[in-house]
Amino acid sequence: MTNEATSTADVRDPELLRTKVEDRAAKLRGVLAAEPSVSGETRKDIEAALAAVATLTTGDLDNIPDSVGHRLTDWLRTSKDLGKRAEVTGPPVGA
């Protein structure tokens, strides 16, 4: 569970932040690959989240500036339920 204290710690620990971001992005890519029945809207949300994080992770991830760290932490917070929604949605009824 992510809370404000965890978010602040993430920004201060670039290695932890990097690991969490990489894990979340991999999970979201896995949902898209494994769940062809992900609804169009959810698929677009996941693709948008992956595109957003790609722009934030193009630099030196061993030395993440505070401004990028805060944006990555926000990304973790806002993307945390995307894969869960796809898993719960499952295949369309009657499929």
N, C-alpha and C. Protein backbone atom coordinates (compact mmCIF):
# COMPACT_ATOMS: atom_id res chain seq x y z
N MET A 1 0.85 -1.18 0.00
CA MET A 1 0.00 0.00 0.00
C MET A 1 0.89 1.24 0.00
N THR A 2 0.66 2.15 -0.92
CA THR A 2 1.47 3.36 -1.03
C THR A 2 0.80 4.48 -0.24
N ASN A 3 1.62 5.13 0.59
CA ASN A 3 1.12 6.29 1.31
C ASN A 3 2.10 7.43 1.14
N GLU A 4 1.82 8.58 1.72
CA GLU A 4 2.68 9.75 1.54
C GLU A 4 4.09 9.48 2.04
N ALA A 5 4.24 8.79 3.17
CA ALA A 5 5.57 8.49 3.70
C ALA A 5 6.35 7.62 2.72
N THR A 6 5.70 6.61 2.15
CA THR A 6 6.36 5.75 1.18
C THR A 6 6.74 6.54 -0.05
N SER A 7 5.87 7.42 -0.51
CA SER A 7 6.15 8.22 -1.69
C SER A 7 7.37 9.10 -1.48
N THR A 8 7.48 9.71 -0.32
CA THR A 8 8.64 10.55 -0.02
C THR A 8 9.90 9.70 0.02
N ALA A 9 9.81 8.52 0.62
CA ALA A 9 10.96 7.62 0.69
C ALA A 9 11.38 7.19 -0.71
N ASP A 10 10.42 6.96 -1.60
CA ASP A 10 10.74 6.56 -2.96
C ASP A 10 11.60 7.61 -3.65
N VAL A 11 11.25 8.88 -3.47
CA VAL A 11 11.99 9.96 -4.10
C VAL A 11 13.41 10.02 -3.54
N ARG A 12 13.56 9.74 -2.29
CA ARG A 12 14.88 9.84 -1.64
C ARG A 12 15.75 8.62 -1.91
N ASP A 13 15.17 7.52 -2.35
CA ASP A 13 15.93 6.30 -2.62
C ASP A 13 15.78 5.95 -4.11
N PRO A 14 16.67 6.48 -4.94
CA PRO A 14 16.55 6.27 -6.39
C PRO A 14 16.54 4.79 -6.79
N GLU A 15 17.30 3.96 -6.08
CA GLU A 15 17.34 2.54 -6.43
C GLU A 15 15.98 1.87 -6.19
N LEU A 16 15.37 2.18 -5.06
CA LEU A 16 14.04 1.65 -4.75
C LEU A 16 13.01 2.16 -5.75
N LEU A 17 13.07 3.44 -6.04
CA LEU A 17 12.14 4.04 -6.99
C LEU A 17 12.29 3.40 -8.36
N ARG A 18 13.51 3.26 -8.81
CA ARG A 18 13.78 2.64 -10.11
C ARG A 18 13.22 1.22 -10.16
N THR A 19 13.45 0.45 -9.12
CA THR A 19 12.96 -0.93 -9.06
C THR A 19 11.44 -0.97 -9.12
N LYS A 20 10.79 -0.11 -8.34
CA LYS A 20 9.32 -0.09 -8.33
C LYS A 20 8.76 0.30 -9.69
N VAL A 21 9.36 1.30 -10.32
CA VAL A 21 8.89 1.76 -11.63
C VAL A 21 9.09 0.66 -12.67
N GLU A 22 10.26 0.03 -12.68
CA GLU A 22 10.52 -1.04 -13.64
C GLU A 22 9.57 -2.21 -13.43
N ASP A 23 9.33 -2.57 -12.17
CA ASP A 23 8.41 -3.67 -11.86
C ASP A 23 6.99 -3.35 -12.32
N ARG A 24 6.52 -2.14 -12.03
CA ARG A 24 5.16 -1.75 -12.43
C ARG A 24 5.03 -1.74 -13.95
N ALA A 25 6.02 -1.17 -14.64
CA ALA A 25 5.96 -1.12 -16.10
C ALA A 25 5.94 -2.53 -16.69
N ALA A 26 6.75 -3.42 -16.14
CA ALA A 26 6.77 -4.80 -16.62
C ALA A 26 5.43 -5.49 -16.38
N LYS A 27 4.83 -5.22 -15.23
CA LYS A 27 3.52 -5.80 -14.93
C LYS A 27 2.48 -5.31 -15.93
N LEU A 28 2.49 -4.03 -16.22
CA LEU A 28 1.52 -3.47 -17.16
C LEU A 28 1.73 -4.02 -18.57
N ARG A 29 2.99 -4.15 -18.98
CA ARG A 29 3.26 -4.76 -20.29
C ARG A 29 2.78 -6.20 -20.31
N GLY A 30 2.96 -6.90 -19.20
CA GLY A 30 2.49 -8.28 -19.09
C GLY A 30 0.99 -8.40 -19.19
N VAL A 31 0.28 -7.46 -18.57
CA VAL A 31 -1.19 -7.47 -18.65
C VAL A 31 -1.63 -7.31 -20.10
N LEU A 32 -1.00 -6.39 -20.81
CA LEU A 32 -1.37 -6.19 -22.22
C LEU A 32 -1.09 -7.43 -23.06
N ALA A 33 0.03 -8.08 -22.77
CA ALA A 33 0.41 -9.26 -23.56
C ALA A 33 -0.44 -10.49 -23.22
N ALA A 34 -0.77 -10.65 -21.95
CA ALA A 34 -1.46 -11.86 -21.50
C ALA A 34 -2.97 -11.76 -21.55
N GLU A 35 -3.48 -10.55 -21.62
CA GLU A 35 -4.93 -10.35 -21.56
C GLU A 35 -5.44 -9.68 -22.83
N PRO A 36 -5.63 -10.47 -23.91
CA PRO A 36 -6.13 -9.85 -25.14
C PRO A 36 -7.54 -9.29 -24.98
N SER A 37 -8.22 -9.70 -23.92
CA SER A 37 -9.60 -9.24 -23.73
C SER A 37 -9.69 -7.94 -22.92
N VAL A 38 -8.54 -7.32 -22.63
CA VAL A 38 -8.56 -6.05 -21.91
C VAL A 38 -9.38 -5.06 -22.73
N SER A 39 -10.32 -4.40 -22.07
CA SER A 39 -11.20 -3.48 -22.78
C SER A 39 -10.41 -2.36 -23.45
N GLY A 40 -10.98 -1.79 -24.49
CA GLY A 40 -10.30 -0.74 -25.24
C GLY A 40 -9.89 0.44 -24.38
N GLU A 41 -10.77 0.87 -23.50
CA GLU A 41 -10.46 2.02 -22.64
C GLU A 41 -9.33 1.69 -21.67
N THR A 42 -9.40 0.52 -21.05
CA THR A 42 -8.35 0.11 -20.11
C THR A 42 -7.03 -0.08 -20.84
N ARG A 43 -7.08 -0.67 -22.01
CA ARG A 43 -5.87 -0.87 -22.82
C ARG A 43 -5.24 0.49 -23.13
N LYS A 44 -6.05 1.47 -23.51
CA LYS A 44 -5.53 2.80 -23.81
C LYS A 44 -4.92 3.45 -22.57
N ASP A 45 -5.55 3.25 -21.41
CA ASP A 45 -5.01 3.80 -20.17
C ASP A 45 -3.65 3.20 -19.84
N ILE A 46 -3.54 1.88 -20.02
CA ILE A 46 -2.26 1.21 -19.75
C ILE A 46 -1.20 1.67 -20.74
N GLU A 47 -1.56 1.74 -22.01
CA GLU A 47 -0.60 2.20 -23.02
C GLU A 47 -0.16 3.63 -22.75
N ALA A 48 -1.08 4.48 -22.32
CA ALA A 48 -0.73 5.87 -22.00
C ALA A 48 0.20 5.93 -20.79
N ALA A 49 -0.06 5.10 -19.80
CA ALA A 49 0.81 5.06 -18.61
C ALA A 49 2.21 4.60 -19.00
N LEU A 50 2.30 3.59 -19.85
CA LEU A 50 3.61 3.12 -20.29
C LEU A 50 4.34 4.16 -21.12
N ALA A 51 3.61 4.88 -21.96
CA ALA A 51 4.24 5.95 -22.75
C ALA A 51 4.74 7.07 -21.85
N ALA A 52 3.96 7.40 -20.83
CA ALA A 52 4.36 8.47 -19.90
C ALA A 52 5.62 8.08 -19.15
N VAL A 53 5.68 6.86 -18.67
CA VAL A 53 6.86 6.46 -17.89
C VAL A 53 8.08 6.32 -18.79
N ALA A 54 7.87 5.98 -20.04
CA ALA A 54 9.00 5.88 -20.97
C ALA A 54 9.70 7.23 -21.12
N THR A 55 8.93 8.31 -21.12
CA THR A 55 9.54 9.63 -21.25
C THR A 55 10.30 10.03 -19.99
N LEU A 56 9.90 9.48 -18.86
CA LEU A 56 10.55 9.82 -17.59
C LEU A 56 11.78 8.97 -17.30
N THR A 57 11.93 7.87 -18.01
CA THR A 57 13.02 6.93 -17.71
C THR A 57 14.06 6.87 -18.82
N THR A 58 14.22 7.97 -19.54
CA THR A 58 15.19 7.99 -20.63
C THR A 58 16.56 8.49 -20.19
N GLY A 59 16.65 9.07 -19.01
CA GLY A 59 17.91 9.63 -18.54
C GLY A 59 18.69 8.68 -17.65
N ASP A 60 19.53 9.23 -16.83
CA ASP A 60 20.39 8.48 -15.91
C ASP A 60 19.57 8.06 -14.70
N LEU A 61 19.15 6.81 -14.67
CA LEU A 61 18.31 6.33 -13.58
C LEU A 61 19.09 6.00 -12.31
N ASP A 62 20.41 6.13 -12.37
CA ASP A 62 21.21 5.97 -11.17
C ASP A 62 21.30 7.29 -10.40
N ASN A 63 20.98 8.39 -11.07
CA ASN A 63 21.00 9.73 -10.47
C ASN A 63 19.73 10.46 -10.88
N ILE A 64 18.63 10.07 -10.29
CA ILE A 64 17.33 10.64 -10.64
C ILE A 64 17.16 12.00 -9.97
N PRO A 65 16.96 13.06 -10.75
CA PRO A 65 16.71 14.38 -10.15
C PRO A 65 15.41 14.35 -9.34
N ASP A 66 15.33 15.19 -8.32
CA ASP A 66 14.14 15.22 -7.46
C ASP A 66 12.86 15.45 -8.27
N SER A 67 12.91 16.34 -9.24
CA SER A 67 11.71 16.64 -10.01
C SER A 67 11.22 15.39 -10.77
N VAL A 68 12.13 14.63 -11.32
CA VAL A 68 11.76 13.40 -12.03
C VAL A 68 11.33 12.35 -11.01
N GLY A 69 11.99 12.30 -9.88
CA GLY A 69 11.61 11.36 -8.83
C GLY A 69 10.18 11.58 -8.36
N HIS A 70 9.81 12.84 -8.21
CA HIS A 70 8.42 13.14 -7.81
C HIS A 70 7.44 12.73 -8.89
N ARG A 71 7.79 12.95 -10.13
CA ARG A 71 6.89 12.57 -11.24
C ARG A 71 6.79 11.05 -11.35
N LEU A 72 7.90 10.34 -11.12
CA LEU A 72 7.85 8.87 -11.14
C LEU A 72 7.01 8.34 -9.98
N THR A 73 7.14 8.96 -8.83
CA THR A 73 6.33 8.56 -7.68
C THR A 73 4.85 8.80 -7.95
N ASP A 74 4.54 9.93 -8.57
CA ASP A 74 3.15 10.20 -8.96
C ASP A 74 2.66 9.14 -9.95
N TRP A 75 3.53 8.77 -10.89
CA TRP A 75 3.17 7.75 -11.88
C TRP A 75 2.87 6.43 -11.18
N LEU A 76 3.68 6.06 -10.20
CA LEU A 76 3.42 4.83 -9.45
C LEU A 76 2.05 4.89 -8.78
N ARG A 77 1.75 6.02 -8.19
CA ARG A 77 0.47 6.19 -7.49
C ARG A 77 -0.71 6.11 -8.45
N THR A 78 -0.60 6.78 -9.58
CA THR A 78 -1.74 6.83 -10.50
C THR A 78 -1.89 5.57 -11.35
N SER A 79 -0.84 4.78 -11.46
CA SER A 79 -0.92 3.58 -12.30
C SER A 79 -1.13 2.30 -11.49
N LYS A 80 -1.22 2.43 -10.18
CA LYS A 80 -1.23 1.23 -9.34
C LYS A 80 -2.42 0.31 -9.57
N ASP A 81 -3.55 0.80 -9.99
CA ASP A 81 -4.73 -0.04 -10.16
C ASP A 81 -5.00 -0.44 -11.62
N LEU A 82 -4.19 0.01 -12.55
CA LEU A 82 -4.47 -0.28 -13.96
C LEU A 82 -4.49 -1.77 -14.25
N GLY A 83 -3.49 -2.49 -13.85
CA GLY A 83 -3.44 -3.93 -14.09
C GLY A 83 -4.51 -4.68 -13.34
N LYS A 84 -4.84 -4.22 -12.15
CA LYS A 84 -5.87 -4.87 -11.34
C LYS A 84 -7.22 -4.78 -12.02
N ARG A 85 -7.52 -3.62 -12.58
CA ARG A 85 -8.80 -3.46 -13.27
C ARG A 85 -8.90 -4.41 -14.44
N ALA A 86 -7.81 -4.60 -15.16
CA ALA A 86 -7.82 -5.49 -16.32
C ALA A 86 -8.02 -6.93 -15.87
N GLU A 87 -7.39 -7.32 -14.75
CA GLU A 87 -7.53 -8.67 -14.24
C GLU A 87 -8.95 -8.93 -13.78
N VAL A 88 -9.57 -7.95 -13.12
CA VAL A 88 -10.93 -8.11 -12.61
C VAL A 88 -11.93 -8.11 -13.77
N THR A 89 -11.69 -7.30 -14.79
CA THR A 89 -12.61 -7.20 -15.91
C THR A 89 -12.76 -8.53 -16.61
N GLY A 90 -11.63 -9.19 -16.91
CA GLY A 90 -11.67 -10.49 -17.56
C GLY A 90 -12.30 -10.44 -18.94
N PRO A 91 -12.61 -11.61 -19.49
CA PRO A 91 -13.20 -11.65 -20.84
C PRO A 91 -14.61 -11.13 -20.85
N PRO A 92 -15.07 -10.65 -21.98
CA PRO A 92 -16.44 -10.16 -22.09
C PRO A 92 -17.45 -11.27 -21.80
N VAL A 93 -18.59 -10.90 -21.27
CA VAL A 93 -19.65 -11.84 -20.98
C VAL A 93 -20.13 -12.46 -22.28
N GLY A 94 -20.29 -13.78 -22.28
CA GLY A 94 -20.76 -14.47 -23.46
C GLY A 94 -19.66 -14.82 -24.45
N ALA A 95 -18.42 -14.52 -24.06
CA ALA A 95 -17.29 -14.83 -24.97
C ALA A 95 -16.88 -16.28 -24.84
